């Protein structure tokens, strides 16, 4: 756990490991986006813990149709600044994990619809050959 913390915290260990790696400072570049997001995520850790505690206690719900950050702010669990920071981190994380390097055609052979098995795709691919 300490090793992971050392890698995820800006400082000597991380600097030593990334010394010879190109890291952009441009948030529109993938590596720059990571560098931009990391300190913001670290700064929002306490607010993240507060939100997670509230969710575990049932004070705030996290579903696909609600905004738990806004809900926590409205209930006084998070301050306005904490809510703003968490919303920004959430947006940055979404950008970091977004994959846009595949066309729908490239993804389609690997997509498995509900009720379908992976073998169904392989069978149709083999039949097409």
N, C-alpha and C. Protein backbone atom coordinates (compact mmCIF):
# COMPACT_ATOMS: atom_id res chain seq x y z
N UNK A 1 0.83 -1.19 0.00
CA UNK A 1 0.00 0.00 0.00
C UNK A 1 0.87 1.26 0.00
N UNK A 2 1.94 1.22 0.77
CA UNK A 2 2.84 2.38 0.82
C UNK A 2 3.52 2.60 -0.53
N UNK A 3 3.85 1.50 -1.21
CA UNK A 3 4.49 1.62 -2.52
C UNK A 3 3.55 2.29 -3.52
N UNK A 4 2.29 1.90 -3.49
CA UNK A 4 1.30 2.50 -4.39
C UNK A 4 1.16 3.98 -4.08
N UNK A 5 1.06 4.31 -2.81
CA UNK A 5 0.93 5.72 -2.40
C UNK A 5 2.13 6.53 -2.89
N UNK A 6 3.33 5.95 -2.78
CA UNK A 6 4.54 6.65 -3.23
C UNK A 6 4.51 6.90 -4.74
N UNK A 7 3.95 5.96 -5.49
CA UNK A 7 3.88 6.12 -6.94
C UNK A 7 2.82 7.12 -7.36
N UNK A 8 1.77 7.21 -6.57
CA UNK A 8 0.66 8.10 -6.94
C UNK A 8 0.77 9.49 -6.34
N UNK A 9 1.82 9.73 -5.58
CA UNK A 9 2.01 11.03 -4.96
C UNK A 9 3.19 11.74 -5.63
N UNK A 10 2.97 12.95 -6.12
CA UNK A 10 4.11 13.67 -6.69
C UNK A 10 5.23 13.77 -5.66
N UNK A 11 6.42 13.46 -6.10
CA UNK A 11 7.56 13.52 -5.18
C UNK A 11 8.75 12.77 -5.73
N UNK A 12 9.72 12.53 -4.85
CA UNK A 12 11.00 11.95 -5.24
C UNK A 12 10.87 10.58 -5.91
N UNK A 13 10.09 9.68 -5.34
CA UNK A 13 9.96 8.33 -5.90
C UNK A 13 9.37 8.40 -7.31
N UNK A 14 8.31 9.12 -7.45
CA UNK A 14 7.65 9.22 -8.76
C UNK A 14 8.56 9.93 -9.76
N UNK A 15 9.23 10.96 -9.33
CA UNK A 15 10.15 11.68 -10.22
C UNK A 15 11.28 10.76 -10.68
N UNK A 16 11.81 9.95 -9.78
CA UNK A 16 12.89 9.04 -10.14
C UNK A 16 12.42 8.01 -11.16
N UNK A 17 11.22 7.50 -10.99
CA UNK A 17 10.70 6.48 -11.91
C UNK A 17 10.32 7.05 -13.28
N UNK A 18 9.98 8.31 -13.33
CA UNK A 18 9.54 8.90 -14.59
C UNK A 18 10.59 9.84 -15.19
N UNK A 19 11.79 9.81 -14.66
CA UNK A 19 12.85 10.72 -15.07
C UNK A 19 13.07 10.73 -16.59
N UNK A 20 13.10 9.58 -17.22
CA UNK A 20 13.40 9.50 -18.65
C UNK A 20 12.16 9.31 -19.52
N UNK A 21 11.02 9.61 -18.97
CA UNK A 21 9.76 9.44 -19.70
C UNK A 21 9.24 10.82 -20.08
N UNK A 22 8.81 10.95 -21.34
CA UNK A 22 8.21 12.21 -21.76
C UNK A 22 6.86 12.37 -21.08
N UNK A 23 6.69 13.49 -20.43
CA UNK A 23 5.41 13.81 -19.79
C UNK A 23 5.03 15.21 -20.23
N UNK A 24 3.96 15.27 -20.94
CA UNK A 24 3.47 16.56 -21.43
C UNK A 24 2.81 17.33 -20.30
N UNK A 25 2.84 18.62 -20.40
CA UNK A 25 2.11 19.47 -19.45
C UNK A 25 0.82 19.98 -20.08
N UNK A 26 0.53 19.53 -21.29
CA UNK A 26 -0.66 19.95 -22.03
C UNK A 26 -1.84 19.07 -21.65
N UNK A 27 -2.87 19.61 -21.01
CA UNK A 27 -4.01 18.78 -20.60
C UNK A 27 -4.80 18.19 -21.77
N UNK A 28 -4.50 18.62 -22.99
CA UNK A 28 -5.14 18.01 -24.16
C UNK A 28 -4.37 16.81 -24.67
N UNK A 29 -3.18 16.58 -24.12
CA UNK A 29 -2.37 15.41 -24.44
C UNK A 29 -2.64 14.35 -23.37
N UNK A 30 -2.72 13.06 -23.74
CA UNK A 30 -3.03 12.04 -22.74
C UNK A 30 -2.12 12.05 -21.51
N UNK A 31 -0.81 12.16 -21.70
CA UNK A 31 0.07 12.18 -20.52
C UNK A 31 -0.08 13.49 -19.76
N UNK A 32 -0.28 14.56 -20.48
CA UNK A 32 -0.49 15.85 -19.82
C UNK A 32 -1.78 15.86 -19.03
N UNK A 33 -2.79 15.19 -19.55
CA UNK A 33 -4.07 15.10 -18.85
C UNK A 33 -3.89 14.36 -17.53
N UNK A 34 -3.12 13.28 -17.56
CA UNK A 34 -2.84 12.55 -16.32
C UNK A 34 -2.14 13.45 -15.31
N UNK A 35 -1.14 14.17 -15.78
CA UNK A 35 -0.39 15.07 -14.90
C UNK A 35 -1.28 16.19 -14.35
N UNK A 36 -2.22 16.63 -15.15
CA UNK A 36 -3.15 17.68 -14.75
C UNK A 36 -4.16 17.14 -13.73
N UNK A 37 -4.60 15.91 -13.94
CA UNK A 37 -5.64 15.32 -13.09
C UNK A 37 -5.11 14.85 -11.73
N UNK A 38 -3.89 14.34 -11.70
CA UNK A 38 -3.37 13.73 -10.48
C UNK A 38 -3.38 14.66 -9.27
N UNK A 39 -2.82 15.86 -9.34
CA UNK A 39 -2.84 16.70 -8.14
C UNK A 39 -4.25 17.12 -7.73
N UNK A 40 -5.13 17.25 -8.69
CA UNK A 40 -6.51 17.61 -8.36
C UNK A 40 -7.21 16.45 -7.65
N UNK A 41 -6.94 15.23 -8.11
CA UNK A 41 -7.52 14.05 -7.45
C UNK A 41 -6.97 13.91 -6.03
N UNK A 42 -5.69 14.16 -5.87
CA UNK A 42 -5.08 14.08 -4.54
C UNK A 42 -5.68 15.14 -3.62
N UNK A 43 -5.83 16.35 -4.14
CA UNK A 43 -6.39 17.44 -3.33
C UNK A 43 -7.84 17.17 -2.93
N UNK A 44 -8.54 16.38 -3.73
CA UNK A 44 -9.96 16.10 -3.45
C UNK A 44 -10.17 14.81 -2.66
N UNK A 45 -9.09 14.19 -2.20
CA UNK A 45 -9.23 12.90 -1.51
C UNK A 45 -10.13 12.96 -0.28
N UNK A 46 -9.99 13.99 0.54
CA UNK A 46 -10.82 14.08 1.74
C UNK A 46 -12.29 14.25 1.37
N UNK A 47 -12.56 15.07 0.37
CA UNK A 47 -13.95 15.24 -0.09
C UNK A 47 -14.48 13.92 -0.65
N UNK A 48 -13.63 13.19 -1.35
CA UNK A 48 -14.03 11.88 -1.88
C UNK A 48 -14.39 10.95 -0.74
N UNK A 49 -13.57 10.94 0.31
CA UNK A 49 -13.87 10.08 1.47
C UNK A 49 -15.18 10.49 2.13
N UNK A 50 -15.43 11.80 2.24
CA UNK A 50 -16.68 12.26 2.83
C UNK A 50 -17.88 11.78 2.01
N UNK A 51 -17.76 11.89 0.70
CA UNK A 51 -18.85 11.45 -0.17
C UNK A 51 -19.06 9.94 -0.06
N UNK A 52 -17.98 9.18 -0.08
CA UNK A 52 -18.09 7.72 0.02
C UNK A 52 -18.71 7.30 1.36
N UNK A 53 -18.33 7.97 2.45
CA UNK A 53 -18.93 7.67 3.76
C UNK A 53 -20.43 7.94 3.73
N UNK A 54 -20.82 9.05 3.14
CA UNK A 54 -22.24 9.41 3.06
C UNK A 54 -23.01 8.38 2.23
N UNK A 55 -22.39 7.90 1.18
CA UNK A 55 -23.04 6.88 0.34
C UNK A 55 -23.20 5.58 1.13
N UNK A 56 -22.14 5.17 1.84
CA UNK A 56 -22.22 3.94 2.65
C UNK A 56 -23.27 4.05 3.75
N UNK A 57 -23.42 5.24 4.32
CA UNK A 57 -24.41 5.44 5.38
C UNK A 57 -25.83 5.56 4.83
N UNK A 58 -25.96 5.69 3.53
CA UNK A 58 -27.28 5.84 2.93
C UNK A 58 -27.77 7.28 2.92
N UNK A 59 -26.91 8.21 3.25
CA UNK A 59 -27.30 9.63 3.26
C UNK A 59 -27.38 10.19 1.84
N UNK A 60 -26.61 9.58 0.95
CA UNK A 60 -26.56 9.99 -0.45
C UNK A 60 -26.63 8.72 -1.29
N UNK A 61 -27.39 8.79 -2.37
CA UNK A 61 -27.48 7.63 -3.27
C UNK A 61 -26.66 7.89 -4.52
N UNK A 62 -26.03 6.84 -5.01
CA UNK A 62 -25.28 6.93 -6.27
C UNK A 62 -25.99 6.01 -7.26
N UNK A 63 -26.69 6.61 -8.19
CA UNK A 63 -27.38 5.84 -9.23
C UNK A 63 -27.07 6.49 -10.57
N UNK A 64 -27.57 5.88 -11.62
CA UNK A 64 -27.35 6.42 -12.95
C UNK A 64 -28.18 7.67 -13.22
N UNK A 65 -29.17 7.92 -12.39
CA UNK A 65 -30.07 9.04 -12.67
C UNK A 65 -29.92 10.21 -11.70
N UNK A 66 -28.98 10.11 -10.76
CA UNK A 66 -28.81 11.25 -9.87
C UNK A 66 -27.35 11.68 -9.83
N UNK A 67 -27.12 12.84 -9.27
CA UNK A 67 -25.78 13.39 -9.12
C UNK A 67 -25.44 13.36 -7.64
N UNK A 68 -24.68 12.36 -7.20
CA UNK A 68 -24.40 12.25 -5.77
C UNK A 68 -23.61 13.44 -5.22
N UNK A 69 -22.81 14.06 -6.04
CA UNK A 69 -22.03 15.22 -5.58
C UNK A 69 -22.97 16.37 -5.27
N UNK A 70 -23.87 16.67 -6.18
CA UNK A 70 -24.84 17.75 -5.96
C UNK A 70 -25.75 17.43 -4.78
N UNK A 71 -26.13 16.17 -4.66
CA UNK A 71 -26.98 15.74 -3.55
C UNK A 71 -26.25 15.95 -2.22
N UNK A 72 -24.98 15.56 -2.17
CA UNK A 72 -24.19 15.72 -0.95
C UNK A 72 -24.00 17.19 -0.61
N UNK A 73 -23.83 18.01 -1.62
CA UNK A 73 -23.70 19.45 -1.38
C UNK A 73 -25.02 20.02 -0.84
N UNK A 74 -26.12 19.62 -1.45
CA UNK A 74 -27.43 20.12 -1.02
C UNK A 74 -27.74 19.72 0.42
N UNK A 75 -27.23 18.57 0.84
CA UNK A 75 -27.47 18.08 2.21
C UNK A 75 -26.42 18.58 3.20
N UNK A 76 -25.48 19.40 2.74
CA UNK A 76 -24.47 19.95 3.63
C UNK A 76 -23.35 18.99 3.97
N UNK A 77 -23.28 17.89 3.27
CA UNK A 77 -22.21 16.91 3.50
C UNK A 77 -20.90 17.42 2.89
N UNK A 78 -21.02 18.04 1.74
CA UNK A 78 -19.87 18.65 1.06
C UNK A 78 -20.08 20.15 0.99
N UNK A 79 -18.99 20.89 1.07
CA UNK A 79 -19.07 22.33 0.86
C UNK A 79 -19.16 22.58 -0.65
N UNK A 80 -19.46 23.80 -1.01
CA UNK A 80 -19.51 24.15 -2.42
C UNK A 80 -18.17 23.94 -3.11
N UNK A 81 -17.09 24.31 -2.41
CA UNK A 81 -15.75 24.12 -2.98
C UNK A 81 -15.42 22.64 -3.15
N UNK A 82 -15.80 21.83 -2.16
CA UNK A 82 -15.54 20.39 -2.26
C UNK A 82 -16.33 19.78 -3.42
N UNK A 83 -17.58 20.19 -3.55
CA UNK A 83 -18.42 19.67 -4.63
C UNK A 83 -17.84 20.07 -5.99
N UNK A 84 -17.40 21.30 -6.09
CA UNK A 84 -16.81 21.77 -7.34
C UNK A 84 -15.54 20.99 -7.67
N UNK A 85 -14.70 20.77 -6.66
CA UNK A 85 -13.46 20.02 -6.87
C UNK A 85 -13.75 18.58 -7.29
N UNK A 86 -14.72 17.94 -6.62
CA UNK A 86 -15.06 16.56 -6.97
C UNK A 86 -15.65 16.46 -8.37
N UNK A 87 -16.48 17.41 -8.73
CA UNK A 87 -17.06 17.40 -10.08
C UNK A 87 -15.96 17.56 -11.13
N UNK A 88 -14.99 18.41 -10.84
CA UNK A 88 -13.88 18.59 -11.78
C UNK A 88 -13.05 17.31 -11.88
N UNK A 89 -12.77 16.68 -10.75
CA UNK A 89 -12.00 15.43 -10.77
C UNK A 89 -12.78 14.36 -11.52
N UNK A 90 -14.07 14.29 -11.29
CA UNK A 90 -14.90 13.30 -11.99
C UNK A 90 -14.82 13.50 -13.50
N UNK A 91 -14.88 14.74 -13.94
CA UNK A 91 -14.77 15.04 -15.37
C UNK A 91 -13.39 14.67 -15.90
N UNK A 92 -12.36 14.99 -15.15
CA UNK A 92 -10.99 14.66 -15.58
C UNK A 92 -10.80 13.14 -15.66
N UNK A 93 -11.30 12.43 -14.68
CA UNK A 93 -11.18 10.96 -14.69
C UNK A 93 -11.91 10.39 -15.90
N UNK A 94 -13.07 10.93 -16.20
CA UNK A 94 -13.81 10.46 -17.39
C UNK A 94 -12.99 10.68 -18.65
N UNK A 95 -12.33 11.83 -18.73
CA UNK A 95 -11.49 12.10 -19.91
C UNK A 95 -10.28 11.18 -19.95
N UNK A 96 -9.69 10.91 -18.79
CA UNK A 96 -8.50 10.05 -18.74
C UNK A 96 -8.84 8.64 -19.20
N UNK A 97 -9.97 8.11 -18.77
CA UNK A 97 -10.29 6.71 -19.10
C UNK A 97 -11.03 6.55 -20.41
N UNK A 98 -11.43 7.65 -21.03
CA UNK A 98 -12.14 7.55 -22.31
C UNK A 98 -11.23 6.95 -23.38
N UNK A 99 -11.77 6.01 -24.11
CA UNK A 99 -11.01 5.37 -25.19
C UNK A 99 -11.64 5.81 -26.50
N UNK A 100 -10.85 6.47 -27.32
CA UNK A 100 -11.39 6.93 -28.59
C UNK A 100 -10.53 6.48 -29.77
N UNK A 101 -9.73 5.48 -29.54
CA UNK A 101 -8.82 5.05 -30.59
C UNK A 101 -9.37 3.89 -31.43
N UNK A 102 -10.62 3.55 -31.25
CA UNK A 102 -11.20 2.44 -31.98
C UNK A 102 -12.45 2.89 -32.71
N UNK A 103 -12.56 2.51 -33.95
CA UNK A 103 -13.77 2.81 -34.70
C UNK A 103 -14.84 1.80 -34.30
N UNK A 104 -16.11 2.11 -34.54
CA UNK A 104 -17.17 1.14 -34.23
C UNK A 104 -16.95 -0.19 -34.95
N UNK A 105 -16.38 -0.14 -36.16
CA UNK A 105 -16.14 -1.37 -36.91
C UNK A 105 -15.09 -2.24 -36.22
N UNK A 106 -14.09 -1.60 -35.60
CA UNK A 106 -13.06 -2.36 -34.90
C UNK A 106 -13.59 -3.00 -33.63
N UNK A 107 -14.53 -2.33 -32.99
CA UNK A 107 -15.07 -2.81 -31.72
C UNK A 107 -16.15 -3.86 -31.94
N UNK A 108 -16.91 -3.74 -33.01
CA UNK A 108 -18.08 -4.60 -33.25
C UNK A 108 -17.80 -6.10 -33.12
N UNK A 109 -16.70 -6.62 -33.68
CA UNK A 109 -16.49 -8.07 -33.55
C UNK A 109 -16.29 -8.53 -32.11
N UNK A 110 -15.96 -7.63 -31.22
CA UNK A 110 -15.69 -8.00 -29.83
C UNK A 110 -16.84 -7.67 -28.90
N UNK A 111 -17.86 -7.01 -29.43
CA UNK A 111 -18.99 -6.61 -28.61
C UNK A 111 -19.93 -7.80 -28.43
N UNK A 112 -20.28 -8.07 -27.20
CA UNK A 112 -21.20 -9.17 -26.91
C UNK A 112 -22.48 -8.56 -26.38
N UNK A 113 -23.57 -8.81 -27.08
CA UNK A 113 -24.87 -8.29 -26.65
C UNK A 113 -25.43 -9.14 -25.52
N UNK A 114 -26.28 -8.56 -24.68
CA UNK A 114 -26.90 -9.36 -23.61
C UNK A 114 -27.59 -10.59 -24.20
N UNK A 115 -27.37 -11.72 -23.56
CA UNK A 115 -27.96 -12.97 -24.02
C UNK A 115 -27.14 -13.67 -25.09
N UNK A 116 -26.05 -13.06 -25.49
CA UNK A 116 -25.20 -13.62 -26.53
C UNK A 116 -23.88 -14.04 -25.88
N UNK A 117 -23.26 -15.09 -26.38
CA UNK A 117 -21.96 -15.48 -25.85
C UNK A 117 -20.87 -15.03 -26.80
N UNK A 118 -19.65 -15.02 -26.32
CA UNK A 118 -18.51 -14.65 -27.16
C UNK A 118 -18.39 -15.60 -28.35
N UNK A 119 -18.75 -16.84 -28.15
CA UNK A 119 -18.65 -17.83 -29.23
C UNK A 119 -19.59 -17.50 -30.38
N UNK A 120 -20.72 -16.85 -30.09
CA UNK A 120 -21.65 -16.47 -31.16
C UNK A 120 -20.94 -15.56 -32.17
N UNK A 121 -20.14 -14.62 -31.68
CA UNK A 121 -19.40 -13.72 -32.57
C UNK A 121 -18.36 -14.49 -33.37
N UNK A 122 -17.65 -15.39 -32.70
CA UNK A 122 -16.61 -16.17 -33.39
C UNK A 122 -17.22 -17.05 -34.48
N UNK A 123 -18.38 -17.65 -34.17
CA UNK A 123 -19.04 -18.52 -35.15
C UNK A 123 -19.43 -17.73 -36.39
N UNK A 124 -19.97 -16.50 -36.18
CA UNK A 124 -20.39 -15.70 -37.34
C UNK A 124 -19.18 -15.19 -38.12
N UNK A 125 -18.07 -14.92 -37.42
CA UNK A 125 -16.85 -14.49 -38.12
C UNK A 125 -16.30 -15.63 -38.97
N UNK A 126 -16.30 -16.84 -38.41
CA UNK A 126 -15.78 -17.99 -39.15
C UNK A 126 -16.67 -18.30 -40.35
N UNK A 127 -17.96 -18.14 -40.19
CA UNK A 127 -18.89 -18.40 -41.30
C UNK A 127 -18.67 -17.39 -42.43
N UNK A 128 -18.32 -16.16 -42.06
CA UNK A 128 -18.09 -15.12 -43.06
C UNK A 128 -16.82 -15.38 -43.87
N UNK A 129 -15.88 -16.10 -43.26
CA UNK A 129 -14.62 -16.38 -43.95
C UNK A 129 -14.87 -17.46 -44.95
